């Protein structure tokens, strides 16, 4: 009663306010989930993505040769993106869910790892570090745990989670086998017709 007197709200009013808040939050969650379930057609962009991947590799090499190793490391984080998008697409479509996880998570972890590597390498330059992380220099430990373990484990885990939904949906393998049979049938047809053709040519020569 004292709280009601201070706030001016009864228990019924508080419950209705809570229900309104829940109703507002639920559509937002559904809209986010619906957005992540959308798919992007990448067929018009495959060539652009391959060119972008090659350009990123070249940029990383040139930056490394020029002595900008930290900038080169940051560029290498994005080298994976074009190849991941093309490789994870099914029927030239990729789900936004895969771009958020694992690709987005990998990007954040990799950038954090390289950023911490730069920070601790400058902090302890020319001296023994004041502490070790799992027995390693803090700069190397950041790359090891965030980039290698965290980043690539996220990708491997996503493969296990989304294998049937995105990487190899039900029926995709049967479609692939059917395409192979069509290709083999098309290749076998000319070879089957070639003996009769040679017999006809021999008869005409006689």
C-alpha atoms as a PDB file:
ATOM      1  CA  UNK A   1       0.000   0.000   0.000  1.00  0.00           C
ATOM      2  CA  UNK A   2       2.834   2.399   0.792  1.00  0.00           C
ATOM      3  CA  UNK A   3       4.429   1.708  -2.628  1.00  0.00           C
ATOM      4  CA  UNK A   4       1.075   2.275  -4.333  1.00  0.00           C
ATOM      5  CA  UNK A   5       0.689   5.568  -2.505  1.00  0.00           C
ATOM      6  CA  UNK A   6       4.141   6.698  -3.588  1.00  0.00           C
ATOM      7  CA  UNK A   7       3.920   5.584  -7.209  1.00  0.00           C
ATOM      8  CA  UNK A   8       0.245   6.141  -7.720  1.00  0.00           C
ATOM      9  CA  UNK A   9      -0.109   2.743  -9.426  1.00  0.00           C
ATOM     10  CA  UNK A  10      -2.135  -0.244  -8.316  1.00  0.00           C
ATOM     11  CA  UNK A  11      -1.126  -3.867  -8.857  1.00  0.00           C
ATOM     12  CA  UNK A  12      -3.550  -4.169 -11.786  1.00  0.00           C
ATOM     13  CA  UNK A  13      -2.028  -1.128 -13.466  1.00  0.00           C
ATOM     14  CA  UNK A  14       1.483  -2.531 -13.014  1.00  0.00           C
ATOM     15  CA  UNK A  15       0.448  -5.870 -14.514  1.00  0.00           C
ATOM     16  CA  UNK A  16      -1.158  -4.191 -17.515  1.00  0.00           C
ATOM     17  CA  UNK A  17       1.999  -2.118 -18.026  1.00  0.00           C
ATOM     18  CA  UNK A  18       4.117  -5.290 -17.894  1.00  0.00           C
ATOM     19  CA  UNK A  19       1.828  -7.004 -20.418  1.00  0.00           C
ATOM     20  CA  UNK A  20       2.098  -4.029 -22.776  1.00  0.00           C
ATOM     21  CA  UNK A  21       5.891  -4.146 -22.501  1.00  0.00           C
ATOM     22  CA  UNK A  22       5.937  -7.849 -23.313  1.00  0.00           C
ATOM     23  CA  UNK A  23       3.607  -7.327 -26.279  1.00  0.00           C
ATOM     24  CA  UNK A  24       5.894  -4.580 -27.604  1.00  0.00           C
ATOM     25  CA  UNK A  25       9.053  -6.651 -27.208  1.00  0.00           C
ATOM     26  CA  UNK A  26       7.612  -9.811 -28.780  1.00  0.00           C
ATOM     27  CA  UNK A  27       6.958  -8.282 -32.244  1.00  0.00           C
ATOM     28  CA  UNK A  28      10.460  -6.809 -32.219  1.00  0.00           C
ATOM     29  CA  UNK A  29      11.951 -10.227 -31.554  1.00  0.00           C
ATOM     30  CA  UNK A  30       9.801 -11.784 -34.261  1.00  0.00           C
ATOM     31  CA  UNK A  31      10.805  -9.077 -36.722  1.00  0.00           C
ATOM     32  CA  UNK A  32      14.505  -9.689 -36.016  1.00  0.00           C
ATOM     33  CA  UNK A  33      14.061 -13.447 -36.456  1.00  0.00           C
ATOM     34  CA  UNK A  34      12.094 -12.907 -39.655  1.00  0.00           C
ATOM     35  CA  UNK A  35      14.820 -10.599 -40.972  1.00  0.00           C
ATOM     36  CA  UNK A  36      17.526 -13.191 -40.240  1.00  0.00           C
ATOM     37  CA  UNK A  37      15.489 -15.849 -42.054  1.00  0.00           C
ATOM     38  CA  UNK A  38      15.625 -13.822 -45.254  1.00  0.00           C
ATOM     39  CA  UNK A  39      17.879 -14.975 -48.083  1.00  0.00           C
ATOM     40  CA  UNK A  40      20.007 -12.971 -50.490  1.00  0.00           C
ATOM     41  CA  UNK A  41      20.476 -13.960 -54.118  1.00  0.00           C
ATOM     42  CA  UNK A  42      24.236 -13.772 -54.738  1.00  0.00           C
ATOM     43  CA  UNK A  43      24.294 -15.061 -58.321  1.00  0.00           C
ATOM     44  CA  UNK A  44      24.788 -11.573 -59.857  1.00  0.00           C
ATOM     45  CA  UNK A  45      27.642 -10.880 -57.423  1.00  0.00           C
ATOM     46  CA  UNK A  46      29.713 -14.074 -57.556  1.00  0.00           C
ATOM     47  CA  UNK A  47      32.307 -12.598 -59.929  1.00  0.00           C
ATOM     48  CA  UNK A  48      32.502  -9.413 -57.886  1.00  0.00           C
ATOM     49  CA  UNK A  49      33.007 -11.422 -54.710  1.00  0.00           C
ATOM     50  CA  UNK A  50      35.841 -13.451 -56.253  1.00  0.00           C
ATOM     51  CA  UNK A  51      37.535 -10.286 -57.499  1.00  0.00           C
ATOM     52  CA  UNK A  52      37.102  -8.717 -54.053  1.00  0.00           C
ATOM     53  CA  UNK A  53      38.712 -11.756 -52.418  1.00  0.00           C
ATOM     54  CA  UNK A  54      41.726 -11.559 -54.739  1.00  0.00           C
ATOM     55  CA  UNK A  55      42.008  -7.801 -54.184  1.00  0.00           C
ATOM     56  CA  UNK A  56      41.955  -8.277 -50.405  1.00  0.00           C
ATOM     57  CA  UNK A  57      44.714 -10.899 -50.623  1.00  0.00           C
ATOM     58  CA  UNK A  58      46.806  -8.549 -52.738  1.00  0.00           C
ATOM     59  CA  UNK A  59      46.190  -5.635 -50.365  1.00  0.00           C
ATOM     60  CA  UNK A  60      47.244  -7.741 -47.367  1.00  0.00           C
ATOM     61  CA  UNK A  61      50.477  -8.779 -49.115  1.00  0.00           C
ATOM     62  CA  UNK A  62      51.347  -5.240 -50.182  1.00  0.00           C
ATOM     63  CA  UNK A  63      50.655  -3.854 -46.713  1.00  0.00           C
ATOM     64  CA  UNK A  64      52.833  -6.553 -45.176  1.00  0.00           C
ATOM     65  CA  UNK A  65      55.714  -5.861 -47.563  1.00  0.00           C
ATOM     66  CA  UNK A  66      55.403  -2.143 -46.796  1.00  0.00           C
ATOM     67  CA  UNK A  67      55.734  -2.814 -43.069  1.00  0.00           C
ATOM     68  CA  UNK A  68      52.110  -2.168 -42.097  1.00  0.00           C
ATOM     69  CA  UNK A  69      51.660  -5.581 -40.500  1.00  0.00           C
ATOM     70  CA  UNK A  70      48.760  -4.572 -38.239  1.00  0.00           C
ATOM     71  CA  UNK A  71      46.744  -3.133 -41.123  1.00  0.00           C
ATOM     72  CA  UNK A  72      47.562  -6.261 -43.139  1.00  0.00           C
ATOM     73  CA  UNK A  73      46.191  -8.439 -40.332  1.00  0.00           C
ATOM     74  CA  UNK A  74      42.963  -6.455 -40.279  1.00  0.00           C
ATOM     75  CA  UNK A  75      42.559  -6.907 -44.031  1.00  0.00           C
ATOM     76  CA  UNK A  76      43.072 -10.676 -43.758  1.00  0.00           C
ATOM     77  CA  UNK A  77      40.023 -10.860 -41.502  1.00  0.00           C
ATOM     78  CA  UNK A  78      37.834  -9.857 -44.440  1.00  0.00           C
ATOM     79  CA  UNK A  79      39.570 -12.132 -46.948  1.00  0.00           C
ATOM     80  CA  UNK A  80      37.382 -14.991 -45.720  1.00  0.00           C
ATOM     81  CA  UNK A  81      34.105 -13.156 -46.344  1.00  0.00           C
ATOM     82  CA  UNK A  82      33.732 -13.498 -50.150  1.00  0.00           C
ATOM     83  CA  UNK A  83      34.698 -17.189 -50.117  1.00  0.00           C
ATOM     84  CA  UNK A  84      32.410 -17.923 -47.174  1.00  0.00           C
ATOM     85  CA  UNK A  85      29.440 -16.229 -48.843  1.00  0.00           C
ATOM     86  CA  UNK A  86      29.915 -18.095 -52.117  1.00  0.00           C
ATOM     87  CA  UNK A  87      30.677 -21.414 -50.428  1.00  0.00           C
ATOM     88  CA  UNK A  88      27.802 -21.303 -47.926  1.00  0.00           C
ATOM     89  CA  UNK A  89      25.206 -20.314 -50.530  1.00  0.00           C
ATOM     90  CA  UNK A  90      22.683 -22.908 -51.693  1.00  0.00           C
ATOM     91  CA  UNK A  91      21.107 -22.440 -55.110  1.00  0.00           C
ATOM     92  CA  UNK A  92      22.913 -19.081 -55.242  1.00  0.00           C
ATOM     93  CA  UNK A  93      21.139 -17.913 -52.068  1.00  0.00           C
ATOM     94  CA  UNK A  94      22.547 -17.346 -48.588  1.00  0.00           C
ATOM     95  CA  UNK A  95      20.614 -16.780 -45.387  1.00  0.00           C
ATOM     96  CA  UNK A  96      21.211 -13.625 -43.382  1.00  0.00           C
ATOM     97  CA  UNK A  97      21.424 -15.924 -40.374  1.00  0.00           C
ATOM     98  CA  UNK A  98      24.770 -17.229 -41.641  1.00  0.00           C
ATOM     99  CA  UNK A  99      26.062 -13.698 -42.142  1.00  0.00           C
ATOM    100  CA  UNK A 100      25.242 -12.876 -38.517  1.00  0.00           C
ATOM    101  CA  UNK A 101      26.532 -16.189 -37.157  1.00  0.00           C
ATOM    102  CA  UNK A 102      29.127 -17.462 -37.727  1.00  0.00           C
ATOM    103  CA  UNK A 103      30.543 -14.818 -40.094  1.00  0.00           C
ATOM    104  CA  UNK A 104      29.710 -11.810 -37.923  1.00  0.00           C
ATOM    105  CA  UNK A 105      30.911 -13.493 -34.732  1.00  0.00           C
ATOM    106  CA  UNK A 106      34.133 -14.591 -36.446  1.00  0.00           C
ATOM    107  CA  UNK A 107      34.769 -11.033 -37.639  1.00  0.00           C
ATOM    108  CA  UNK A 108      34.284  -9.522 -34.170  1.00  0.00           C
ATOM    109  CA  UNK A 109      36.515 -12.122 -32.493  1.00  0.00           C
ATOM    110  CA  UNK A 110      39.251 -11.797 -35.123  1.00  0.00           C
ATOM    111  CA  UNK A 111      39.316  -7.994 -34.973  1.00  0.00           C
ATOM    112  CA  UNK A 112      39.367  -8.115 -31.166  1.00  0.00           C
ATOM    113  CA  UNK A 113      42.227 -10.616 -31.197  1.00  0.00           C
ATOM    114  CA  UNK A 114      44.354  -8.576 -33.574  1.00  0.00           C
ATOM    115  CA  UNK A 115      43.504  -5.343 -31.745  1.00  0.00           C
ATOM    116  CA  UNK A 116      44.626  -6.792 -28.420  1.00  0.00           C
ATOM    117  CA  UNK A 117      47.753  -8.167 -30.086  1.00  0.00           C
ATOM    118  CA  UNK A 118      48.629  -4.665 -31.257  1.00  0.00           C
ATOM    119  CA  UNK A 119      47.878  -3.182 -27.837  1.00  0.00           C
ATOM    120  CA  UNK A 120      49.981  -5.630 -25.812  1.00  0.00           C
ATOM    121  CA  UNK A 121      52.842  -5.686 -28.314  1.00  0.00           C
ATOM    122  CA  UNK A 122      53.181  -1.911 -27.941  1.00  0.00           C
ATOM    123  CA  UNK A 123      52.629  -2.052 -24.176  1.00  0.00           C
ATOM    124  CA  UNK A 124      55.471  -4.507 -23.603  1.00  0.00           C
ATOM    125  CA  UNK A 125      57.736  -3.563 -26.488  1.00  0.00           C
ATOM    126  CA  UNK A 126      61.411  -4.241 -25.695  1.00  0.00           C
ATOM    127  CA  UNK A 127      60.666  -5.825 -22.324  1.00  0.00           C
ATOM    128  CA  UNK A 128      59.395  -9.008 -20.749  1.00  0.00           C
ATOM    129  CA  UNK A 129      55.630  -8.846 -20.185  1.00  0.00           C
ATOM    130  CA  UNK A 130      54.463  -8.458 -16.616  1.00  0.00           C
ATOM    131  CA  UNK A 131      52.114 -11.425 -16.963  1.00  0.00           C
ATOM    132  CA  UNK A 132      51.413 -14.364 -19.254  1.00  0.00           C
ATOM    133  CA  UNK A 133      48.108 -15.687 -20.557  1.00  0.00           C
ATOM    134  CA  UNK A 134      48.035 -19.497 -20.528  1.00  0.00           C
ATOM    135  CA  UNK A 135      51.825 -19.416 -20.667  1.00  0.00           C
ATOM    136  CA  UNK A 136      51.938 -17.148 -23.716  1.00  0.00           C
ATOM    137  CA  UNK A 137      52.783 -13.509 -24.369  1.00  0.00           C
ATOM    138  CA  UNK A 138      49.503 -11.544 -24.041  1.00  0.00           C
ATOM    139  CA  UNK A 139      49.679 -10.357 -27.651  1.00  0.00           C
ATOM    140  CA  UNK A 140      50.057 -13.900 -28.999  1.00  0.00           C
ATOM    141  CA  UNK A 141      47.487 -15.300 -26.569  1.00  0.00           C
ATOM    142  CA  UNK A 142      44.898 -12.825 -27.859  1.00  0.00           C
ATOM    143  CA  UNK A 143      45.399 -14.033 -31.425  1.00  0.00           C
ATOM    144  CA  UNK A 144      45.483 -17.674 -30.387  1.00  0.00           C
ATOM    145  CA  UNK A 145      42.368 -17.704 -28.220  1.00  0.00           C
ATOM    146  CA  UNK A 146      40.181 -15.153 -29.989  1.00  0.00           C
ATOM    147  CA  UNK A 147      41.169 -15.568 -33.642  1.00  0.00           C
ATOM    148  CA  UNK A 148      42.185 -19.205 -33.951  1.00  0.00           C
ATOM    149  CA  UNK A 149      40.187 -20.938 -31.227  1.00  0.00           C
ATOM    150  CA  UNK A 150      37.198 -18.597 -30.896  1.00  0.00           C
ATOM    151  CA  UNK A 151      36.834 -17.583 -34.533  1.00  0.00           C
ATOM    152  CA  UNK A 152      37.335 -20.884 -36.279  1.00  0.00           C
ATOM    153  CA  UNK A 153      35.530 -22.893 -33.609  1.00  0.00           C
ATOM    154  CA  UNK A 154      32.530 -20.628 -34.194  1.00  0.00           C
ATOM    155  CA  UNK A 155      32.588 -21.511 -37.886  1.00  0.00           C
ATOM    156  CA  UNK A 156      32.928 -25.229 -37.176  1.00  0.00           C
ATOM    157  CA  UNK A 157      30.132 -25.108 -34.610  1.00  0.00           C
ATOM    158  CA  UNK A 158      27.858 -23.300 -37.057  1.00  0.00           C
ATOM    159  CA  UNK A 159      28.500 -26.049 -39.609  1.00  0.00           C
ATOM    160  CA  UNK A 160      27.168 -28.557 -37.101  1.00  0.00           C
ATOM    161  CA  UNK A 161      24.180 -26.395 -36.150  1.00  0.00           C
ATOM    162  CA  UNK A 162      23.100 -25.349 -39.640  1.00  0.00           C
ATOM    163  CA  UNK A 163      24.227 -28.404 -41.646  1.00  0.00           C
ATOM    164  CA  UNK A 164      20.756 -29.650 -42.576  1.00  0.00           C
ATOM    165  CA  UNK A 165      19.133 -26.238 -42.705  1.00  0.00           C
ATOM    166  CA  UNK A 166      21.592 -24.340 -44.895  1.00  0.00           C
ATOM    167  CA  UNK A 167      24.672 -26.323 -45.940  1.00  0.00           C
ATOM    168  CA  UNK A 168      22.955 -29.487 -47.157  1.00  0.00           C
ATOM    169  CA  UNK A 169      19.146 -29.193 -46.892  1.00  0.00           C
ATOM    170  CA  UNK A 170      16.923 -32.224 -47.337  1.00  0.00           C
ATOM    171  CA  UNK A 171      16.646 -33.122 -50.996  1.00  0.00           C
ATOM    172  CA  UNK A 172      19.754 -31.184 -52.034  1.00  0.00           C
ATOM    173  CA  UNK A 173      21.853 -34.350 -52.315  1.00  0.00           C
ATOM    174  CA  UNK A 174      19.146 -36.048 -54.423  1.00  0.00           C
ATOM    175  CA  UNK A 175      19.047 -33.016 -56.700  1.00  0.00           C
ATOM    176  CA  UNK A 176      22.818 -33.196 -57.078  1.00  0.00           C
ATOM    177  CA  UNK A 177      22.671 -36.904 -57.996  1.00  0.00           C
ATOM    178  CA  UNK A 178      19.905 -36.201 -60.507  1.00  0.00           C
ATOM    179  CA  UNK A 179      22.043 -33.527 -62.163  1.00  0.00           C
ATOM    180  CA  UNK A 180      24.956 -35.968 -62.376  1.00  0.00           C
ATOM    181  CA  UNK A 181      22.726 -38.568 -64.024  1.00  0.00           C
ATOM    182  CA  UNK A 182      21.572 -36.004 -66.587  1.00  0.00           C
ATOM    183  CA  UNK A 183      25.174 -35.059 -67.365  1.00  0.00           C
ATOM    184  CA  UNK A 184      26.214 -38.707 -67.685  1.00  0.00           C
ATOM    185  CA  UNK A 185      23.205 -39.407 -69.894  1.00  0.00           C
ATOM    186  CA  UNK A 186      24.036 -36.474 -72.154  1.00  0.00           C
ATOM    187  CA  UNK A 187      27.646 -37.669 -72.461  1.00  0.00           C
ATOM    188  CA  UNK A 188      26.612 -41.265 -73.170  1.00  0.00           C
ATOM    189  CA  UNK A 189      24.163 -40.353 -75.953  1.00  0.00           C
ATOM    190  CA  UNK A 190      26.746 -39.200 -78.564  1.00  0.00           C
ATOM    191  CA  UNK A 191      28.974 -42.206 -77.871  1.00  0.00           C
ATOM    192  CA  UNK A 192      26.004 -44.532 -78.414  1.00  0.00           C
ATOM    193  CA  UNK A 193      25.206 -42.854 -81.736  1.00  0.00           C
ATOM    194  CA  UNK A 194      28.798 -42.856 -83.023  1.00  0.00           C
ATOM    195  CA  UNK A 195      28.975 -46.594 -84.051  1.00  0.00           C
ATOM    196  CA  UNK A 196      25.859 -46.354 -86.224  1.00  0.00           C
ATOM    197  CA  UNK A 197      27.240 -43.212 -87.774  1.00  0.00           C
ATOM    198  CA  UNK A 198      30.523 -44.921 -88.645  1.00  0.00           C
ATOM    199  CA  UNK A 199      28.629 -47.910 -90.140  1.00  0.00           C
ATOM    200  CA  UNK A 200      26.634 -45.603 -92.373  1.00  0.00           C
ATOM    201  CA  UNK A 201      29.780 -43.852 -93.537  1.00  0.00           C
ATOM    202  CA  UNK A 202      31.435 -47.215 -94.347  1.00  0.00           C
ATOM    203  CA  UNK A 203      28.385 -48.322 -96.357  1.00  0.00           C
ATOM    204  CA  UNK A 204      28.481 -45.112 -98.374  1.00  0.00           C
ATOM    205  CA  UNK A 205      32.176 -45.641 -99.176  1.00  0.00           C
ATOM    206  CA  UNK A 206      31.519 -49.182-100.470  1.00  0.00           C
END
